[in-house]
Full PDB file with SEQRES, HELIX, SHEET, SSBOND, CRYST1, ORIGX, SCALE, CONECT and MASTER records, all heavy atoms in Angstrom:
SEQRES   1 A   36  GLU SER LEU THR ASN GLY MET PHE ARG ILE ARG LEU ASP          
SEQRES   2 A   36  THR ASP ASP LEU ILE LEU GLY TYR VAL SER GLY ARG ILE          
SEQRES   3 A   36  ARG ARG SER PHE ILE ARG ILE LEU PRO GLY                      
HELIX    1 AA1 GLY A   24  ARG A   28  1                                   5    
SHEET    1 AA1 2 MET A   7  ARG A  11  0                                        
SHEET    2 AA1 2 LEU A  17  TYR A  21 -1                                        
CRYST1    1.000    1.000    1.000  90.00  90.00  90.00 P 1           1          
ORIGX1      1.000000  0.000000  0.000000        0.00000                         
ORIGX2      0.000000  1.000000  0.000000        0.00000                         
ORIGX3      0.000000  0.000000  1.000000        0.00000                         
SCALE1      1.000000  0.000000  0.000000        0.00000                         
SCALE2      0.000000  1.000000  0.000000        0.00000                         
SCALE3      0.000000  0.000000  1.000000        0.00000                         
ATOM      1  N   GLU A   1      21.766  88.531  22.298  1.00  0.00           N  
ATOM      2  CA  GLU A   1      23.210  88.653  22.499  1.00  0.00           C  
ATOM      3  C   GLU A   1      23.538  90.091  22.872  1.00  0.00           C  
ATOM      4  O   GLU A   1      22.979  91.041  22.335  1.00  0.00           O  
ATOM      5  CB  GLU A   1      23.923  88.280  21.197  1.00  0.00           C  
ATOM      6  CG  GLU A   1      25.405  88.284  21.269  1.00  0.00           C  
ATOM      7  CD  GLU A   1      26.037  87.930  19.937  1.00  0.00           C  
ATOM      8  OE1 GLU A   1      25.312  87.687  18.959  1.00  0.00           O  
ATOM      9  OE2 GLU A   1      27.267  87.914  19.882  1.00  0.00           O  
ATOM     10  N   SER A   2      24.448  90.243  23.819  1.00  0.00           N  
ATOM     11  CA  SER A   2      24.919  91.566  24.224  1.00  0.00           C  
ATOM     12  C   SER A   2      26.242  91.852  23.517  1.00  0.00           C  
ATOM     13  O   SER A   2      27.177  91.051  23.594  1.00  0.00           O  
ATOM     14  CB  SER A   2      25.115  91.589  25.739  1.00  0.00           C  
ATOM     15  OG  SER A   2      25.604  92.829  26.143  1.00  0.00           O  
ATOM     16  N   LEU A   3      26.307  92.986  22.825  1.00  0.00           N  
ATOM     17  CA  LEU A   3      27.511  93.371  22.098  1.00  0.00           C  
ATOM     18  C   LEU A   3      28.165  94.554  22.814  1.00  0.00           C  
ATOM     19  O   LEU A   3      27.698  94.979  23.868  1.00  0.00           O  
ATOM     20  CB  LEU A   3      27.145  93.732  20.654  1.00  0.00           C  
ATOM     21  CG  LEU A   3      26.406  92.641  19.879  1.00  0.00           C  
ATOM     22  CD1 LEU A   3      25.915  93.182  18.559  1.00  0.00           C  
ATOM     23  CD2 LEU A   3      27.290  91.438  19.666  1.00  0.00           C  
ATOM     24  N   THR A   4      29.206  95.112  22.258  1.00  0.00           N  
ATOM     25  CA  THR A   4      29.906  96.225  22.902  1.00  0.00           C  
ATOM     26  C   THR A   4      29.163  97.544  22.722  1.00  0.00           C  
ATOM     27  O   THR A   4      28.312  97.684  21.840  1.00  0.00           O  
ATOM     28  CB  THR A   4      31.322  96.372  22.311  1.00  0.00           C  
ATOM     29  OG1 THR A   4      31.193  96.610  20.916  1.00  0.00           O  
ATOM     30  CG2 THR A   4      32.142  95.131  22.547  1.00  0.00           C  
ATOM     31  N   ASN A   5      29.475  98.502  23.564  1.00  0.00           N  
ATOM     32  CA  ASN A   5      28.977  99.884  23.484  1.00  0.00           C  
ATOM     33  C   ASN A   5      27.458  99.994  23.514  1.00  0.00           C  
ATOM     34  O   ASN A   5      26.869 100.814  22.810  1.00  0.00           O  
ATOM     35  CB  ASN A   5      29.509 100.584  22.229  1.00  0.00           C  
ATOM     36  CG  ASN A   5      31.003 100.726  22.250  1.00  0.00           C  
ATOM     37  OD1 ASN A   5      31.596 100.859  23.315  1.00  0.00           O  
ATOM     38  ND2 ASN A   5      31.620 100.683  21.093  1.00  0.00           N  
ATOM     39  N   GLY A   6      26.809  99.204  24.331  1.00  0.00           N  
ATOM     40  CA  GLY A   6      25.356  99.312  24.471  1.00  0.00           C  
ATOM     41  C   GLY A   6      24.575  98.828  23.265  1.00  0.00           C  
ATOM     42  O   GLY A   6      23.440  99.237  23.065  1.00  0.00           O  
ATOM     43  N   MET A   7      25.177  97.951  22.485  1.00  0.00           N  
ATOM     44  CA  MET A   7      24.498  97.378  21.323  1.00  0.00           C  
ATOM     45  C   MET A   7      24.061  95.959  21.658  1.00  0.00           C  
ATOM     46  O   MET A   7      24.706  95.266  22.435  1.00  0.00           O  
ATOM     47  CB  MET A   7      25.431  97.349  20.115  1.00  0.00           C  
ATOM     48  CG  MET A   7      25.990  98.691  19.726  1.00  0.00           C  
ATOM     49  SD  MET A   7      24.781  99.760  18.986  1.00  0.00           S  
ATOM     50  CE  MET A   7      24.837  99.202  17.334  1.00  0.00           C  
ATOM     51  N   PHE A   8      22.947  95.554  21.045  1.00  0.00           N  
ATOM     52  CA  PHE A   8      22.379  94.238  21.307  1.00  0.00           C  
ATOM     53  C   PHE A   8      21.868  93.628  20.018  1.00  0.00           C  
ATOM     54  O   PHE A   8      21.459  94.340  19.117  1.00  0.00           O  
ATOM     55  CB  PHE A   8      21.196  94.339  22.288  1.00  0.00           C  
ATOM     56  CG  PHE A   8      21.575  94.887  23.621  1.00  0.00           C  
ATOM     57  CD1 PHE A   8      21.505  96.245  23.877  1.00  0.00           C  
ATOM     58  CD2 PHE A   8      22.017  94.049  24.620  1.00  0.00           C  
ATOM     59  CE1 PHE A   8      21.854  96.757  25.103  1.00  0.00           C  
ATOM     60  CE2 PHE A   8      22.366  94.546  25.859  1.00  0.00           C  
ATOM     61  CZ  PHE A   8      22.290  95.906  26.097  1.00  0.00           C  
ATOM     62  N   ARG A   9      21.904  92.295  19.945  1.00  0.00           N  
ATOM     63  CA  ARG A   9      21.267  91.587  18.850  1.00  0.00           C  
ATOM     64  C   ARG A   9      19.893  91.179  19.354  1.00  0.00           C  
ATOM     65  O   ARG A   9      19.766  90.567  20.412  1.00  0.00           O  
ATOM     66  CB  ARG A   9      22.084  90.371  18.445  1.00  0.00           C  
ATOM     67  CG  ARG A   9      21.573  89.793  17.176  1.00  0.00           C  
ATOM     68  CD  ARG A   9      22.594  89.076  16.340  1.00  0.00           C  
ATOM     69  NE  ARG A   9      23.973  89.506  16.328  1.00  0.00           N  
ATOM     70  CZ  ARG A   9      24.473  90.449  15.527  1.00  0.00           C  
ATOM     71  NH1 ARG A   9      23.695  91.093  14.698  1.00  0.00           N  
ATOM     72  NH2 ARG A   9      25.743  90.750  15.549  1.00  0.00           N  
ATOM     73  N   ILE A  10      18.846  91.553  18.612  1.00  0.00           N  
ATOM     74  CA  ILE A  10      17.465  91.361  19.045  1.00  0.00           C  
ATOM     75  C   ILE A  10      16.712  90.525  18.020  1.00  0.00           C  
ATOM     76  O   ILE A  10      16.768  90.813  16.825  1.00  0.00           O  
ATOM     77  CB  ILE A  10      16.753  92.726  19.212  1.00  0.00           C  
ATOM     78  CG1 ILE A  10      17.528  93.606  20.183  1.00  0.00           C  
ATOM     79  CG2 ILE A  10      15.321  92.538  19.658  1.00  0.00           C  
ATOM     80  CD1 ILE A  10      17.059  95.035  20.207  1.00  0.00           C  
ATOM     81  N   ARG A  11      16.017  89.482  18.506  1.00  0.00           N  
ATOM     82  CA  ARG A  11      15.145  88.689  17.643  1.00  0.00           C  
ATOM     83  C   ARG A  11      13.729  89.186  17.871  1.00  0.00           C  
ATOM     84  O   ARG A  11      13.189  89.073  18.957  1.00  0.00           O  
ATOM     85  CB  ARG A  11      15.225  87.207  17.961  1.00  0.00           C  
ATOM     86  CG  ARG A  11      14.283  86.402  17.070  1.00  0.00           C  
ATOM     87  CD  ARG A  11      14.568  84.935  17.072  1.00  0.00           C  
ATOM     88  NE  ARG A  11      15.942  84.569  16.737  1.00  0.00           N  
ATOM     89  CZ  ARG A  11      16.431  84.496  15.498  1.00  0.00           C  
ATOM     90  NH1 ARG A  11      15.663  84.789  14.472  1.00  0.00           N  
ATOM     91  NH2 ARG A  11      17.672  84.135  15.283  1.00  0.00           N  
ATOM     92  N   LEU A  12      13.151  89.774  16.818  1.00  0.00           N  
ATOM     93  CA  LEU A  12      11.795  90.305  16.903  1.00  0.00           C  
ATOM     94  C   LEU A  12      10.776  89.180  16.897  1.00  0.00           C  
ATOM     95  O   LEU A  12      11.095  88.043  16.550  1.00  0.00           O  
ATOM     96  CB  LEU A  12      11.532  91.262  15.739  1.00  0.00           C  
ATOM     97  CG  LEU A  12      12.439  92.487  15.653  1.00  0.00           C  
ATOM     98  CD1 LEU A  12      12.101  93.287  14.416  1.00  0.00           C  
ATOM     99  CD2 LEU A  12      12.323  93.342  16.889  1.00  0.00           C  
ATOM    100  N   ASP A  13       9.540  89.493  17.283  1.00  0.00           N  
ATOM    101  CA  ASP A  13       8.472  88.495  17.290  1.00  0.00           C  
ATOM    102  C   ASP A  13       8.154  87.996  15.885  1.00  0.00           C  
ATOM    103  O   ASP A  13       7.560  86.940  15.718  1.00  0.00           O  
ATOM    104  CB  ASP A  13       7.215  89.067  17.943  1.00  0.00           C  
ATOM    105  CG  ASP A  13       7.402  89.247  19.438  1.00  0.00           C  
ATOM    106  OD1 ASP A  13       8.348  88.664  20.001  1.00  0.00           O  
ATOM    107  OD2 ASP A  13       6.601  89.980  20.046  1.00  0.00           O  
ATOM    108  N   THR A  14       8.563  88.751  14.872  1.00  0.00           N  
ATOM    109  CA  THR A  14       8.358  88.343  13.480  1.00  0.00           C  
ATOM    110  C   THR A  14       9.508  87.477  12.968  1.00  0.00           C  
ATOM    111  O   THR A  14       9.631  87.246  11.776  1.00  0.00           O  
ATOM    112  CB  THR A  14       8.226  89.582  12.585  1.00  0.00           C  
ATOM    113  OG1 THR A  14       9.420  90.365  12.703  1.00  0.00           O  
ATOM    114  CG2 THR A  14       7.023  90.407  12.964  1.00  0.00           C  
ATOM    115  N   ASP A  15      10.394  87.025  13.882  1.00  0.00           N  
ATOM    116  CA  ASP A  15      11.576  86.200  13.592  1.00  0.00           C  
ATOM    117  C   ASP A  15      12.649  86.919  12.782  1.00  0.00           C  
ATOM    118  O   ASP A  15      13.529  86.278  12.213  1.00  0.00           O  
ATOM    119  CB  ASP A  15      11.201  84.890  12.900  1.00  0.00           C  
ATOM    120  CG  ASP A  15      10.586  83.909  13.878  1.00  0.00           C  
ATOM    121  OD1 ASP A  15      10.858  84.024  15.086  1.00  0.00           O  
ATOM    122  OD2 ASP A  15       9.838  83.035  13.422  1.00  0.00           O  
ATOM    123  N   ASP A  16      12.614  88.245  12.725  1.00  0.00           N  
ATOM    124  CA  ASP A  16      13.694  89.014  12.112  1.00  0.00           C  
ATOM    125  C   ASP A  16      14.769  89.272  13.156  1.00  0.00           C  
ATOM    126  O   ASP A  16      14.476  89.442  14.334  1.00  0.00           O  
ATOM    127  CB  ASP A  16      13.177  90.353  11.584  1.00  0.00           C  
ATOM    128  CG  ASP A  16      12.240  90.175  10.407  1.00  0.00           C  
ATOM    129  OD1 ASP A  16      12.427  89.223   9.649  1.00  0.00           O  
ATOM    130  OD2 ASP A  16      11.325  90.996  10.266  1.00  0.00           O  
ATOM    131  N   LEU A  17      16.021  89.307  12.736  1.00  0.00           N  
ATOM    132  CA  LEU A  17      17.144  89.568  13.627  1.00  0.00           C  
ATOM    133  C   LEU A  17      17.679  90.957  13.299  1.00  0.00           C  
ATOM    134  O   LEU A  17      18.051  91.229  12.154  1.00  0.00           O  
ATOM    135  CB  LEU A  17      18.215  88.504  13.405  1.00  0.00           C  
ATOM    136  CG  LEU A  17      19.240  88.314  14.489  1.00  0.00           C  
ATOM    137  CD1 LEU A  17      18.577  87.911  15.787  1.00  0.00           C  
ATOM    138  CD2 LEU A  17      20.239  87.267  14.078  1.00  0.00           C  
ATOM    139  N   ILE A  18      17.708  91.858  14.305  1.00  0.00           N  
ATOM    140  CA  ILE A  18      18.189  93.226  14.075  1.00  0.00           C  
ATOM    141  C   ILE A  18      19.245  93.586  15.102  1.00  0.00           C  
ATOM    142  O   ILE A  18      19.434  92.888  16.094  1.00  0.00           O  
ATOM    143  CB  ILE A  18      17.033  94.262  14.138  1.00  0.00           C  
ATOM    144  CG1 ILE A  18      16.421  94.307  15.538  1.00  0.00           C  
ATOM    145  CG2 ILE A  18      15.990  93.988  13.094  1.00  0.00           C  
ATOM    146  CD1 ILE A  18      15.538  95.500  15.749  1.00  0.00           C  
ATOM    147  N   LEU A  19      19.917  94.690  14.853  1.00  0.00           N  
ATOM    148  CA  LEU A  19      20.891  95.252  15.770  1.00  0.00           C  
ATOM    149  C   LEU A  19      20.206  96.392  16.504  1.00  0.00           C  
ATOM    150  O   LEU A  19      19.605  97.266  15.874  1.00  0.00           O  
ATOM    151  CB  LEU A  19      22.084  95.767  14.964  1.00  0.00           C  
ATOM    152  CG  LEU A  19      23.307  96.185  15.730  1.00  0.00           C  
ATOM    153  CD1 LEU A  19      23.904  94.982  16.436  1.00  0.00           C  
ATOM    154  CD2 LEU A  19      24.315  96.765  14.776  1.00  0.00           C  
ATOM    155  N   GLY A  20      20.267  96.387  17.832  1.00  0.00           N  
ATOM    156  CA  GLY A  20      19.586  97.421  18.599  1.00  0.00           C  
ATOM    157  C   GLY A  20      20.535  98.152  19.521  1.00  0.00           C  
ATOM    158  O   GLY A  20      21.562  97.616  19.933  1.00  0.00           O  
ATOM    159  N   TYR A  21      20.185  99.395  19.854  1.00  0.00           N  
ATOM    160  CA  TYR A  21      20.983 100.173  20.798  1.00  0.00           C  
ATOM    161  C   TYR A  21      20.055 100.774  21.847  1.00  0.00           C  
ATOM    162  O   TYR A  21      18.856 100.876  21.654  1.00  0.00           O  
ATOM    163  CB  TYR A  21      21.780 101.259  20.070  1.00  0.00           C  
ATOM    164  CG  TYR A  21      20.951 102.260  19.306  1.00  0.00           C  
ATOM    165  CD1 TYR A  21      20.594 103.462  19.892  1.00  0.00           C  
ATOM    166  CD2 TYR A  21      20.537 102.006  18.022  1.00  0.00           C  
ATOM    167  CE1 TYR A  21      19.826 104.387  19.204  1.00  0.00           C  
ATOM    168  CE2 TYR A  21      19.778 102.918  17.322  1.00  0.00           C  
ATOM    169  CZ  TYR A  21      19.432 104.111  17.925  1.00  0.00           C  
ATOM    170  OH  TYR A  21      18.660 105.015  17.237  1.00  0.00           O  
ATOM    171  N   VAL A  22      20.618 101.156  22.967  1.00  0.00           N  
ATOM    172  CA  VAL A  22      19.842 101.625  24.111  1.00  0.00           C  
ATOM    173  C   VAL A  22      19.494 103.095  23.924  1.00  0.00           C  
ATOM    174  O   VAL A  22      20.339 103.901  23.531  1.00  0.00           O  
ATOM    175  CB  VAL A  22      20.658 101.429  25.403  1.00  0.00           C  
ATOM    176  CG1 VAL A  22      19.879 101.887  26.614  1.00  0.00           C  
ATOM    177  CG2 VAL A  22      21.062  99.988  25.565  1.00  0.00           C  
ATOM    178  N   SER A  23      18.246 103.455  24.231  1.00  0.00           N  
ATOM    179  CA  SER A  23      17.837 104.856  24.146  1.00  0.00           C  
ATOM    180  C   SER A  23      18.480 105.651  25.281  1.00  0.00           C  
ATOM    181  O   SER A  23      18.912 105.092  26.292  1.00  0.00           O  
ATOM    182  CB  SER A  23      16.314 104.973  24.223  1.00  0.00           C  
ATOM    183  OG  SER A  23      15.862 104.693  25.521  1.00  0.00           O  
ATOM    184  N   GLY A  24      18.527 106.943  25.136  1.00  0.00           N  
ATOM    185  CA  GLY A  24      19.155 107.817  26.128  1.00  0.00           C  
ATOM    186  C   GLY A  24      18.479 107.777  27.480  1.00  0.00           C  
ATOM    187  O   GLY A  24      19.130 107.850  28.516  1.00  0.00           O  
ATOM    188  N   ARG A  25      17.160 107.645  27.493  1.00  0.00           N  
ATOM    189  CA  ARG A  25      16.418 107.618  28.761  1.00  0.00           C  
ATOM    190  C   ARG A  25      16.792 106.386  29.575  1.00  0.00           C  
ATOM    191  O   ARG A  25      17.002 106.467  30.788  1.00  0.00           O  
ATOM    192  CB  ARG A  25      14.923 107.622  28.483  1.00  0.00           C  
ATOM    193  CG  ARG A  25      14.066 107.624  29.721  1.00  0.00           C  
ATOM    194  CD  ARG A  25      12.612 107.700  29.353  1.00  0.00           C  
ATOM    195  NE  ARG A  25      12.235 106.580  28.505  1.00  0.00           N  
ATOM    196  CZ  ARG A  25      11.357 105.648  28.848  1.00  0.00           C  
ATOM    197  NH1 ARG A  25      10.744 105.715  29.996  1.00  0.00           N  
ATOM    198  NH2 ARG A  25      11.066 104.672  28.037  1.00  0.00           N  
ATOM    199  N   ILE A  26      16.905 105.238  28.916  1.00  0.00           N  
ATOM    200  CA  ILE A  26      17.290 104.008  29.615  1.00  0.00           C  
ATOM    201  C   ILE A  26      18.753 104.083  30.038  1.00  0.00           C  
ATOM    202  O   ILE A  26      19.129 103.656  31.125  1.00  0.00           O  
ATOM    203  CB  ILE A  26      17.022 102.777  28.724  1.00  0.00           C  
ATOM    204  CG1 ILE A  26      15.519 102.605  28.545  1.00  0.00           C  
ATOM    205  CG2 ILE A  26      17.624 101.525  29.312  1.00  0.00           C  
ATOM    206  CD1 ILE A  26      15.112 101.478  27.641  1.00  0.00           C  
ATOM    207  N   ARG A  27      19.599 104.671  29.201  1.00  0.00           N  
ATOM    208  CA  ARG A  27      21.018 104.801  29.531  1.00  0.00           C  
ATOM    209  C   ARG A  27      21.217 105.727  30.733  1.00  0.00           C  
ATOM    210  O   ARG A  27      22.023 105.440  31.620  1.00  0.00           O  
ATOM    211  CB  ARG A  27      21.763 105.355  28.316  1.00  0.00           C  
ATOM    212  CG  ARG A  27      23.257 105.251  28.424  1.00  0.00           C  
ATOM    213  CD  ARG A  27      23.900 105.818  27.185  1.00  0.00           C  
ATOM    214  NE  ARG A  27      23.543 105.067  26.003  1.00  0.00           N  
ATOM    215  CZ  ARG A  27      24.393 104.318  25.313  1.00  0.00           C  
ATOM    216  NH1 ARG A  27      25.633 104.233  25.700  1.00  0.00           N  
ATOM    217  NH2 ARG A  27      24.006 103.681  24.250  1.00  0.00           N  
ATOM    218  N   ARG A  28      20.478 106.826  30.776  1.00  0.00           N  
ATOM    219  CA  ARG A  28      20.583 107.762  31.905  1.00  0.00           C  
ATOM    220  C   ARG A  28      20.113 107.152  33.217  1.00  0.00           C  
ATOM    221  O   ARG A  28      20.615 107.493  34.280  1.00  0.00           O  
ATOM    222  CB  ARG A  28      19.760 109.020  31.639  1.00  0.00           C  
ATOM    223  CG  ARG A  28      20.473 110.059  30.842  1.00  0.00           C  
ATOM    224  CD  ARG A  28      19.757 111.386  30.913  1.00  0.00           C  
ATOM    225  NE  ARG A  28      18.327 111.276  30.718  1.00  0.00           N  
ATOM    226  CZ  ARG A  28      17.693 111.387  29.556  1.00  0.00           C  
ATOM    227  NH1 ARG A  28      18.381 111.602  28.463  1.00  0.00           N  
ATOM    228  NH2 ARG A  28      16.390 111.293  29.482  1.00  0.00           N  
ATOM    229  N   SER A  29      19.128 106.266  33.148  1.00  0.00           N  
ATOM    230  CA  SER A  29      18.568 105.649  34.354  1.00  0.00           C  
ATOM    231  C   SER A  29      19.364 104.432  34.807  1.00  0.00           C  
ATOM    232  O   SER A  29      19.001 103.806  35.801  1.00  0.00           O  
ATOM    233  CB  SER A  29      17.128 105.220  34.087  1.00  0.00           C  
ATOM    234  OG  SER A  29      16.347 106.329  33.737  1.00  0.00           O  
ATOM    235  N   PHE A  30      20.440 104.092  34.099  1.00  0.00           N  
ATOM    236  CA  PHE A  30      21.303 102.955  34.424  1.00  0.00           C  
ATOM    237  C   PHE A  30      20.508 101.649  34.528  1.00  0.00           C  
ATOM    238  O   PHE A  30      20.737 100.836  35.415  1.00  0.00           O  
ATOM    239  CB  PHE A  30      22.065 103.190  35.729  1.00  0.00           C  
ATOM    240  CG  PHE A  30      22.993 104.360  35.662  1.00  0.00           C  
ATOM    241  CD1 PHE A  30      22.705 105.525  36.340  1.00  0.00           C  
ATOM    242  CD2 PHE A  30      24.141 104.302  34.890  1.00  0.00           C  
ATOM    243  CE1 PHE A  30      23.552 106.613  36.271  1.00  0.00           C  
ATOM    244  CE2 PHE A  30      24.991 105.382  34.821  1.00  0.00           C  
ATOM    245  CZ  PHE A  30      24.695 106.546  35.512  1.00  0.00           C  
ATOM    246  N   ILE A  31      19.558 101.452  33.628  1.00  0.00           N  
ATOM    247  CA  ILE A  31      18.775 100.221  33.603  1.00  0.00           C  
ATOM    248  C   ILE A  31      19.592  99.154  32.888  1.00  0.00           C  
ATOM    249  O   ILE A  31      20.063  99.361  31.774  1.00  0.00           O  
ATOM    250  CB  ILE A  31      17.424 100.442  32.902  1.00  0.00           C  
ATOM    251  CG1 ILE A  31      16.600 101.427  33.706  1.00  0.00           C  
ATOM    252  CG2 ILE A  31      16.687  99.128  32.716  1.00  0.00           C  
ATOM    253  CD1 ILE A  31      15.316 101.831  33.042  1.00  0.00           C  
ATOM    254  N   ARG A  32      19.765  98.019  33.548  1.00  0.00           N  
ATOM    255  CA  ARG A  32      20.527  96.922  32.954  1.00  0.00           C  
ATOM    256  C   ARG A  32      19.635  96.118  32.029  1.00  0.00           C  
ATOM    257  O   ARG A  32      18.536  95.739  32.398  1.00  0.00           O  
ATOM    258  CB  ARG A  32      21.051  96.004  34.039  1.00  0.00           C  
ATOM    259  CG  ARG A  32      22.311  96.498  34.612  1.00  0.00           C  
ATOM    260  CD  ARG A  32      22.978  95.406  35.400  1.00  0.00           C  
ATOM    261  NE  ARG A  32      23.852  96.064  36.343  1.00  0.00           N  
ATOM    262  CZ  ARG A  32      23.860  95.847  37.625  1.00  0.00           C  
ATOM    263  NH1 ARG A  32      23.073  94.957  38.145  1.00  0.00           N  
ATOM    264  NH2 ARG A  32      24.668  96.505  38.406  1.00  0.00           N  
ATOM    265  N   ILE A  33      20.131  95.847  30.864  1.00  0.00           N  
ATOM    266  CA  ILE A  33      19.421  94.996  29.909  1.00  0.00           C  
ATOM    267  C   ILE A  33      20.306  93.787  29.641  1.00  0.00           C  
ATOM    268  O   ILE A  33      21.444  93.931  29.198  1.00  0.00           O  
ATOM    269  CB  ILE A  33      19.110  95.759  28.614  1.00  0.00           C  
ATOM    270  CG1 ILE A  33      18.233  96.958  28.930  1.00  0.00           C  
ATOM    271  CG2 ILE A  33      18.445  94.853  27.605  1.00  0.00           C  
ATOM    272  CD1 ILE A  33      17.937  97.828  27.764  1.00  0.00           C  
ATOM    273  N   LEU A  34      19.780  92.614  29.946  1.00  0.00           N  
ATOM    274  CA  LEU A  34      20.549  91.380  29.826  1.00  0.00           C  
ATOM    275  C   LEU A  34      19.965  90.487  28.738  1.00  0.00           C  
ATOM    276  O   LEU A  34      18.786  90.619  28.396  1.00  0.00           O  
ATOM    277  CB  LEU A  34      20.517  90.633  31.157  1.00  0.00           C  
ATOM    278  CG  LEU A  34      21.085  91.406  32.355  1.00  0.00           C  
ATOM    279  CD1 LEU A  34      20.824  90.640  33.634  1.00  0.00           C  
ATOM    280  CD2 LEU A  34      22.560  91.651  32.164  1.00  0.00           C  
ATOM    281  N   PRO A  35      20.772  89.575  28.195  1.00  0.00           N  
ATOM    282  CA  PRO A  35      20.228  88.607  27.230  1.00  0.00           C  
ATOM    283  C   PRO A  35      19.072  87.822  27.839  1.00  0.00           C  
ATOM    284  O   PRO A  35      19.119  87.428  29.002  1.00  0.00           O  
ATOM    285  CB  PRO A  35      21.419  87.701  26.925  1.00  0.00           C  
ATOM    286  CG  PRO A  35      22.604  88.570  27.180  1.00  0.00           C  
ATOM    287  CD  PRO A  35      22.218  89.453  28.325  1.00  0.00           C  
ATOM    288  N   GLY A  36      18.020  87.635  27.053  1.00  0.00           N  
ATOM    289  CA  GLY A  36      16.820  86.961  27.524  1.00  0.00           C  
ATOM    290  C   GLY A  36      15.716  87.919  27.921  1.00  0.00           C  
ATOM    291  O   GLY A  36      14.596  87.491  28.188  1.00  0.00           O  
TER     292      GLY A  36                                                      
MASTER        0    0    0    1    2    0    0    6  291    1    0    3          
END                                                                             
């Protein structure tokens, strides 16, 4: 799931659900991260 302000809900391979945010390097490079 994509949330506001560059935050994302991420399901890890261990089936844990965490809240994630984009690192500065990815943000500076304007890399799009989409659900899936």
